[in-house]
Structure formats: structure tokens, C-alpha cells
Amino acid sequence: MPAFNDWTIPPELWEMIRPMLRPGMVTLETGSGLSTRLFDAAECRHTALEHDPRFAAESDSVLLKPLVGDPPWYDWEPVRPCELILIDGPPQYAGSRSGVLRVIDRLVTAGTVIVLDDTNRPDENQLAGCLAGRFALRRIDYRAGSRRRFSILAGDRKTSCRFWKGTVPFSLRENRDSPRVVCRSPRRRPQR
């Protein structure tokens, strides 16, 4: 199996995702690579959307789909909601990842966890805030290394308690090199 590098998700992110996975769990990833192989090894019902055959992981879970629209998004229609969504594509050179907003309502259900990589970049950071507000999810931002950041958005008590109470695979309180936590209360949807 390839090693983590600057093009893969950070190992700290995988350490956050891994304990949530179980065989048969419905997962979606935008982009593909090492993380696709890790989801496959966890025996998830995984789909990885990839637009560039050069970067497509060798896996039956990869769907090669061109990018369409502005902002770009994969030429793909969801068939079922997902339990975990990892947004790590399209790459920055292809445009904003906010094209996911065209399909996200069909992917998210109660208990869905959304993970966004690269939230150190303004577009991804704004998208994380937008998704947290849209689905009334709590957001935690993590730092991986000196520059990379990722966010985890979760709403249900069972899932989110693991993050909010510090029972993640590594201590957020004891090690100065651990990711920084920023908790925000979920936004309430206006009553009509």
C-alpha cells in the first residue's frame, strides 16, 4: 500500500475516520487514491468519484466521471444517502469544490458525517461553514502539520460526542502538536 504524502489525505485525518468505519458502511469520497484503498480495506460500500484517469486508484469503487458545470462537479447522480462523505476533490486547479452543493441534499441524512480536507484554503473553509449551517452540523477544525487543515462536520449525539469530548484516537489536550479544535454550536434552522 502506498504511503501518505502531500497528495494524500493527512495521516491525522485517517486516524479520525478509521474508528468510524465498519464493514458495509455506505461511504463516498470525491477524488481517489490512498484513501480509496483504505476505505476498501475497511470493507465499506465505497464510491470514489474521480475525473482524471491518471489519479484514479486501482479499485472497483472508483467511478471515472468528468467535471461539468461552474463550479465544477462530477457528472454523477447520487443513488442513496451516505453515512460518511469525504470531500477531497476536485483538485484546486480544477476549481472550487462547492459544486457538491448541487447534490449534497441527496447524500446527507440524519447521522451523516461530512469530512472536508484542505480547509486551510478559503474556498474549502467557506464550504465547510456552508455545509455546517445548511445541515445544522457541529464543526471541528483540525490542523495536520504546519499548513494542512481539515474539518469534520457531525450532528448526531452518538457520532459527535466522540469528537466533542476528546475521545478521538489521539489526545487534543495534552500534546501541543495535536490538531487545534474549534467547536461551533449548530445553527438553528429558522422556523416557518
C-alpha atoms as a PDB file:
ATOM      1  CA  MET A   1       0.000   0.000   0.000  1.00  0.00           C
ATOM      2  CA  PRO A   2       1.371   3.477  -0.863  1.00  0.00           C
ATOM      3  CA  ALA A   3       2.435   5.802   1.937  1.00  0.00           C
ATOM      4  CA  PHE A   4       0.859   9.079   2.999  1.00  0.00           C
ATOM      5  CA  ASN A   5       2.347  12.125   1.249  1.00  0.00           C
ATOM      6  CA  ASP A   6       1.455  15.709   0.308  1.00  0.00           C
ATOM      7  CA  TRP A   7      -1.102  14.493  -2.263  1.00  0.00           C
ATOM      8  CA  THR A   8      -2.923  12.056   0.035  1.00  0.00           C
ATOM      9  CA  ILE A   9      -5.157  12.865   2.961  1.00  0.00           C
ATOM     10  CA  PRO A  10      -3.061  13.563   6.060  1.00  0.00           C
ATOM     11  CA  PRO A  11      -2.474  10.531   8.312  1.00  0.00           C
ATOM     12  CA  GLU A  12      -4.103  12.501  11.151  1.00  0.00           C
ATOM     13  CA  LEU A  13      -7.305  12.669   9.108  1.00  0.00           C
ATOM     14  CA  TRP A  14      -7.271   8.926   8.504  1.00  0.00           C
ATOM     15  CA  GLU A  15      -6.814   8.361  12.244  1.00  0.00           C
ATOM     16  CA  MET A  16     -10.038  10.346  12.761  1.00  0.00           C
ATOM     17  CA  ILE A  17     -12.001   8.500  10.076  1.00  0.00           C
ATOM     18  CA  ARG A  18     -10.836   4.934  10.698  1.00  0.00           C
ATOM     19  CA  PRO A  19     -12.656   4.342  14.027  1.00  0.00           C
ATOM     20  CA  MET A  20     -15.965   5.457  12.479  1.00  0.00           C
ATOM     21  CA  LEU A  21     -15.883   2.866   9.697  1.00  0.00           C
ATOM     22  CA  ARG A  22     -17.482  -0.561   9.752  1.00  0.00           C
ATOM     23  CA  PRO A  23     -17.981  -3.238   7.094  1.00  0.00           C
ATOM     24  CA  GLY A  24     -20.890  -2.429   4.801  1.00  0.00           C
ATOM     25  CA  MET A  25     -20.963   1.273   5.736  1.00  0.00           C
ATOM     26  CA  VAL A  26     -22.035   3.464   2.789  1.00  0.00           C
ATOM     27  CA  THR A  27     -19.237   5.954   2.101  1.00  0.00           C
ATOM     28  CA  LEU A  28     -18.464   8.475  -0.631  1.00  0.00           C
ATOM     29  CA  GLU A  29     -15.176  10.114  -1.497  1.00  0.00           C
ATOM     30  CA  THR A  30     -14.510  12.833  -4.052  1.00  0.00           C
ATOM     31  CA  GLY A  31     -11.102  12.276  -5.544  1.00  0.00           C
ATOM     32  CA  SER A  32      -9.331   8.961  -5.204  1.00  0.00           C
ATOM     33  CA  GLY A  33      -6.029   7.491  -4.146  1.00  0.00           C
ATOM     34  CA  LEU A  34      -4.622   6.088  -0.930  1.00  0.00           C
ATOM     35  CA  SER A  35      -7.808   6.907   0.980  1.00  0.00           C
ATOM     36  CA  THR A  36      -9.822   4.876  -1.552  1.00  0.00           C
ATOM     37  CA  ARG A  37      -7.689   1.831  -0.797  1.00  0.00           C
ATOM     38  CA  LEU A  38      -8.113   2.434   2.941  1.00  0.00           C
ATOM     39  CA  PHE A  39     -11.917   2.610   2.632  1.00  0.00           C
ATOM     40  CA  ASP A  40     -11.832  -0.578   0.546  1.00  0.00           C
ATOM     41  CA  ALA A  41      -9.683  -2.325   3.181  1.00  0.00           C
ATOM     42  CA  ALA A  42     -12.262  -1.340   5.817  1.00  0.00           C
ATOM     43  CA  GLU A  43     -14.843  -3.209   3.669  1.00  0.00           C
ATOM     44  CA  CYS A  44     -17.096  -0.177   3.253  1.00  0.00           C
ATOM     45  CA  ARG A  45     -19.634   0.084   0.422  1.00  0.00           C
ATOM     46  CA  HIS A  46     -17.444   2.797  -1.008  1.00  0.00           C
ATOM     47  CA  THR A  47     -17.747   5.039  -4.046  1.00  0.00           C
ATOM     48  CA  ALA A  48     -14.858   7.290  -5.097  1.00  0.00           C
ATOM     49  CA  LEU A  49     -15.530   9.896  -7.777  1.00  0.00           C
ATOM     50  CA  GLU A  50     -12.511  10.767  -9.915  1.00  0.00           C
ATOM     51  CA  HIS A  51     -12.313  12.901 -13.062  1.00  0.00           C
ATOM     52  CA  ASP A  52      -8.695  12.210 -14.056  1.00  0.00           C
ATOM     53  CA  PRO A  53      -7.704   8.660 -15.063  1.00  0.00           C
ATOM     54  CA  ARG A  54      -4.067   9.457 -14.157  1.00  0.00           C
ATOM     55  CA  PHE A  55      -5.023   9.730 -10.498  1.00  0.00           C
ATOM     56  CA  ALA A  56      -7.716   7.069 -10.312  1.00  0.00           C
ATOM     57  CA  ALA A  57      -6.881   4.489  -7.688  1.00  0.00           C
ATOM     58  CA  GLU A  58      -6.918   0.912  -8.914  1.00  0.00           C
ATOM     59  CA  SER A  59     -10.146  -0.081  -7.246  1.00  0.00           C
ATOM     60  CA  ASP A  60     -13.596  -1.278  -8.247  1.00  0.00           C
ATOM     61  CA  SER A  61     -15.041   1.524  -6.112  1.00  0.00           C
ATOM     62  CA  VAL A  62     -13.664   4.289  -8.380  1.00  0.00           C
ATOM     63  CA  LEU A  63     -16.067   5.875 -10.864  1.00  0.00           C
ATOM     64  CA  LEU A  64     -14.379   7.946 -13.573  1.00  0.00           C
ATOM     65  CA  LYS A  65     -16.678  10.911 -14.163  1.00  0.00           C
ATOM     66  CA  PRO A  66     -15.874  14.143 -15.999  1.00  0.00           C
ATOM     67  CA  LEU A  67     -16.292  17.502 -14.297  1.00  0.00           C
ATOM     68  CA  VAL A  68     -19.239  19.590 -15.517  1.00  0.00           C
ATOM     69  CA  GLY A  69     -20.715  22.979 -14.688  1.00  0.00           C
ATOM     70  CA  ASP A  70     -19.450  26.036 -12.879  1.00  0.00           C
ATOM     71  CA  PRO A  71     -18.399  25.465 -10.180  1.00  0.00           C
ATOM     72  CA  PRO A  72     -17.297  22.077 -11.478  1.00  0.00           C
ATOM     73  CA  TRP A  73     -18.720  18.862 -10.144  1.00  0.00           C
ATOM     74  CA  TYR A  74     -18.624  15.237 -11.193  1.00  0.00           C
ATOM     75  CA  ASP A  75     -21.128  14.155 -13.867  1.00  0.00           C
ATOM     76  CA  TRP A  76     -22.816  11.793 -11.436  1.00  0.00           C
ATOM     77  CA  GLU A  77     -26.151  11.473  -9.674  1.00  0.00           C
ATOM     78  CA  PRO A  78     -26.377  10.033  -6.146  1.00  0.00           C
ATOM     79  CA  VAL A  79     -28.348   6.810  -5.786  1.00  0.00           C
ATOM     80  CA  ARG A  80     -28.533   6.717  -1.985  1.00  0.00           C
ATOM     81  CA  PRO A  81     -27.571   8.751   1.086  1.00  0.00           C
ATOM     82  CA  CYS A  82     -24.168   8.153   2.618  1.00  0.00           C
ATOM     83  CA  GLU A  83     -23.082   7.599   6.187  1.00  0.00           C
ATOM     84  CA  LEU A  84     -19.693   9.275   5.677  1.00  0.00           C
ATOM     85  CA  ILE A  85     -18.638  11.691   2.931  1.00  0.00           C
ATOM     86  CA  LEU A  86     -15.003  12.660   2.370  1.00  0.00           C
ATOM     87  CA  ILE A  87     -14.721  15.765   0.175  1.00  0.00           C
ATOM     88  CA  ASP A  88     -11.179  15.830  -1.196  1.00  0.00           C
ATOM     89  CA  GLY A  89     -11.806  16.694  -4.834  1.00  0.00           C
ATOM     90  CA  PRO A  90     -11.908  18.077  -7.397  1.00  0.00           C
ATOM     91  CA  PRO A  91      -8.361  19.403  -7.064  1.00  0.00           C
ATOM     92  CA  GLN A  92      -7.808  23.118  -6.582  1.00  0.00           C
ATOM     93  CA  TYR A  93      -6.579  23.654 -10.161  1.00  0.00           C
ATOM     94  CA  ALA A  94      -9.937  22.371 -11.479  1.00  0.00           C
ATOM     95  CA  GLY A  95     -11.984  24.887  -9.492  1.00  0.00           C
ATOM     96  CA  SER A  96     -13.970  25.143  -6.296  1.00  0.00           C
ATOM     97  CA  ARG A  97     -15.395  22.102  -4.530  1.00  0.00           C
ATOM     98  CA  SER A  98     -18.652  23.975  -3.936  1.00  0.00           C
ATOM     99  CA  GLY A  99     -20.179  22.122  -6.889  1.00  0.00           C
ATOM    100  CA  VAL A 100     -21.059  19.479  -4.272  1.00  0.00           C
ATOM    101  CA  LEU A 101     -23.906  21.781  -3.217  1.00  0.00           C
ATOM    102  CA  ARG A 102     -25.834  20.652  -6.313  1.00  0.00           C
ATOM    103  CA  VAL A 103     -26.138  17.073  -4.970  1.00  0.00           C
ATOM    104  CA  ILE A 104     -25.457  17.246  -1.229  1.00  0.00           C
ATOM    105  CA  ASP A 105     -29.131  17.244  -0.193  1.00  0.00           C
ATOM    106  CA  ARG A 106     -29.491  13.759  -1.685  1.00  0.00           C
ATOM    107  CA  LEU A 107     -26.382  12.486   0.091  1.00  0.00           C
ATOM    108  CA  VAL A 108     -26.908  13.658   3.664  1.00  0.00           C
ATOM    109  CA  THR A 109     -29.302  12.107   6.138  1.00  0.00           C
ATOM    110  CA  ALA A 110     -29.515  12.111   9.935  1.00  0.00           C
ATOM    111  CA  GLY A 111     -26.202  10.833  11.244  1.00  0.00           C
ATOM    112  CA  THR A 112     -24.139  11.549   8.116  1.00  0.00           C
ATOM    113  CA  VAL A 113     -20.595  12.692   8.877  1.00  0.00           C
ATOM    114  CA  ILE A 114     -19.001  15.069   6.361  1.00  0.00           C
ATOM    115  CA  VAL A 115     -15.221  15.387   6.244  1.00  0.00           C
ATOM    116  CA  LEU A 116     -13.538  18.142   4.236  1.00  0.00           C
ATOM    117  CA  ASP A 117      -9.824  18.103   3.528  1.00  0.00           C
ATOM    118  CA  ASP A 118      -7.792  21.233   2.768  1.00  0.00           C
ATOM    119  CA  THR A 119      -9.891  23.674   4.822  1.00  0.00           C
ATOM    120  CA  ASN A 120      -6.768  25.815   5.159  1.00  0.00           C
ATOM    121  CA  ARG A 121      -7.814  27.108   1.711  1.00  0.00           C
ATOM    122  CA  PRO A 122     -10.503  29.845   1.699  1.00  0.00           C
ATOM    123  CA  ASP A 123     -12.949  28.056  -0.667  1.00  0.00           C
ATOM    124  CA  GLU A 124     -12.890  24.807   1.298  1.00  0.00           C
ATOM    125  CA  ASN A 125     -13.153  26.685   4.613  1.00  0.00           C
ATOM    126  CA  GLN A 126     -16.199  28.571   3.320  1.00  0.00           C
ATOM    127  CA  LEU A 127     -17.736  25.318   2.042  1.00  0.00           C
ATOM    128  CA  ALA A 128     -17.291  23.698   5.470  1.00  0.00           C
ATOM    129  CA  GLY A 129     -19.130  26.612   7.072  1.00  0.00           C
ATOM    130  CA  CYS A 130     -21.870  26.475   4.461  1.00  0.00           C
ATOM    131  CA  LEU A 131     -22.444  22.733   4.956  1.00  0.00           C
ATOM    132  CA  ALA A 132     -22.402  23.044   8.755  1.00  0.00           C
ATOM    133  CA  GLY A 133     -25.068  25.739   8.558  1.00  0.00           C
ATOM    134  CA  ARG A 134     -27.153  24.010   5.897  1.00  0.00           C
ATOM    135  CA  PHE A 135     -27.495  20.786   7.889  1.00  0.00           C
ATOM    136  CA  ALA A 136     -27.162  22.216  11.439  1.00  0.00           C
ATOM    137  CA  LEU A 137     -23.964  20.212  11.998  1.00  0.00           C
ATOM    138  CA  ARG A 138     -21.242  20.868  14.515  1.00  0.00           C
ATOM    139  CA  ARG A 139     -17.863  21.608  13.035  1.00  0.00           C
ATOM    140  CA  ILE A 140     -14.402  20.808  14.353  1.00  0.00           C
ATOM    141  CA  ASP A 141     -11.325  22.099  12.542  1.00  0.00           C
ATOM    142  CA  TYR A 142      -8.047  20.202  12.859  1.00  0.00           C
ATOM    143  CA  ARG A 143      -4.503  21.109  11.930  1.00  0.00           C
ATOM    144  CA  ALA A 144      -2.309  18.465  10.305  1.00  0.00           C
ATOM    145  CA  GLY A 145       1.304  19.566  10.248  1.00  0.00           C
ATOM    146  CA  SER A 146       2.125  23.219   9.817  1.00  0.00           C
ATOM    147  CA  ARG A 147      -0.153  24.092   6.883  1.00  0.00           C
ATOM    148  CA  ARG A 148      -2.870  21.493   6.264  1.00  0.00           C
ATOM    149  CA  ARG A 149      -6.260  21.655   7.904  1.00  0.00           C
ATOM    150  CA  PHE A 150      -9.358  19.510   7.697  1.00  0.00           C
ATOM    151  CA  SER A 151     -12.841  19.770   9.173  1.00  0.00           C
ATOM    152  CA  ILE A 152     -15.260  17.178  10.474  1.00  0.00           C
ATOM    153  CA  LEU A 153     -18.965  18.005  10.464  1.00  0.00           C
ATOM    154  CA  ALA A 154     -21.292  15.820  12.526  1.00  0.00           C
ATOM    155  CA  GLY A 155     -24.671  16.309  14.086  1.00  0.00           C
ATOM    156  CA  ASP A 156     -25.987  13.276  15.885  1.00  0.00           C
ATOM    157  CA  ARG A 157     -25.044  12.823  19.528  1.00  0.00           C
ATOM    158  CA  LYS A 158     -23.545   9.360  19.194  1.00  0.00           C
ATOM    159  CA  THR A 159     -21.067  10.341  16.483  1.00  0.00           C
ATOM    160  CA  SER A 160     -20.300  13.855  17.589  1.00  0.00           C
ATOM    161  CA  CYS A 161     -19.706  13.010  21.252  1.00  0.00           C
ATOM    162  CA  ARG A 162     -16.508  11.185  20.284  1.00  0.00           C
ATOM    163  CA  PHE A 163     -15.133  14.432  18.873  1.00  0.00           C
ATOM    164  CA  TRP A 164     -16.543  16.974  21.290  1.00  0.00           C
ATOM    165  CA  LYS A 165     -15.432  15.060  24.396  1.00  0.00           C
ATOM    166  CA  GLY A 166     -11.909  14.332  23.238  1.00  0.00           C
ATOM    167  CA  THR A 167     -12.157  10.546  22.863  1.00  0.00           C
ATOM    168  CA  VAL A 168     -10.562  10.702  19.437  1.00  0.00           C
ATOM    169  CA  PRO A 169      -7.611   8.368  18.702  1.00  0.00           C
ATOM    170  CA  PHE A 170      -5.085  10.930  19.954  1.00  0.00           C
ATOM    171  CA  SER A 171      -5.308  13.498  22.700  1.00  0.00           C
ATOM    172  CA  LEU A 172      -6.267  17.003  21.677  1.00  0.00           C
ATOM    173  CA  ARG A 173      -5.489  18.436  25.087  1.00  0.00           C
ATOM    174  CA  GLU A 174      -2.107  17.024  26.103  1.00  0.00           C
ATOM    175  CA  ASN A 175       0.083  17.416  23.032  1.00  0.00           C
ATOM    176  CA  ARG A 176       0.889  20.885  21.680  1.00  0.00           C
ATOM    177  CA  ASP A 177       1.466  19.332  18.242  1.00  0.00           C
ATOM    178  CA  SER A 178      -2.021  17.847  18.127  1.00  0.00           C
ATOM    179  CA  PRO A 179      -4.699  19.477  15.984  1.00  0.00           C
ATOM    180  CA  ARG A 180      -6.361  22.639  17.231  1.00  0.00           C
ATOM    181  CA  VAL A 181     -10.063  22.222  17.978  1.00  0.00           C
ATOM    182  CA  VAL A 182     -12.600  24.893  17.145  1.00  0.00           C
ATOM    183  CA  CYS A 183     -16.119  23.904  18.151  1.00  0.00           C
ATOM    184  CA  ARG A 184     -19.083  25.847  16.927  1.00  0.00           C
ATOM    185  CA  SER A 185     -22.644  25.335  18.034  1.00  0.00           C
ATOM    186  CA  PRO A 186     -25.013  24.154  15.330  1.00  0.00           C
ATOM    187  CA  ARG A 187     -27.022  26.897  13.711  1.00  0.00           C
ATOM    188  CA  ARG A 188     -30.738  26.590  14.161  1.00  0.00           C
ATOM    189  CA  ARG A 189     -32.869  26.465  11.060  1.00  0.00           C
ATOM    190  CA  PRO A 190     -35.463  29.223  11.001  1.00  0.00           C
ATOM    191  CA  GLN A 191     -38.962  28.126  11.915  1.00  0.00           C
ATOM    192  CA  ARG A 192     -41.589  28.693   9.239  1.00  0.00           C
END
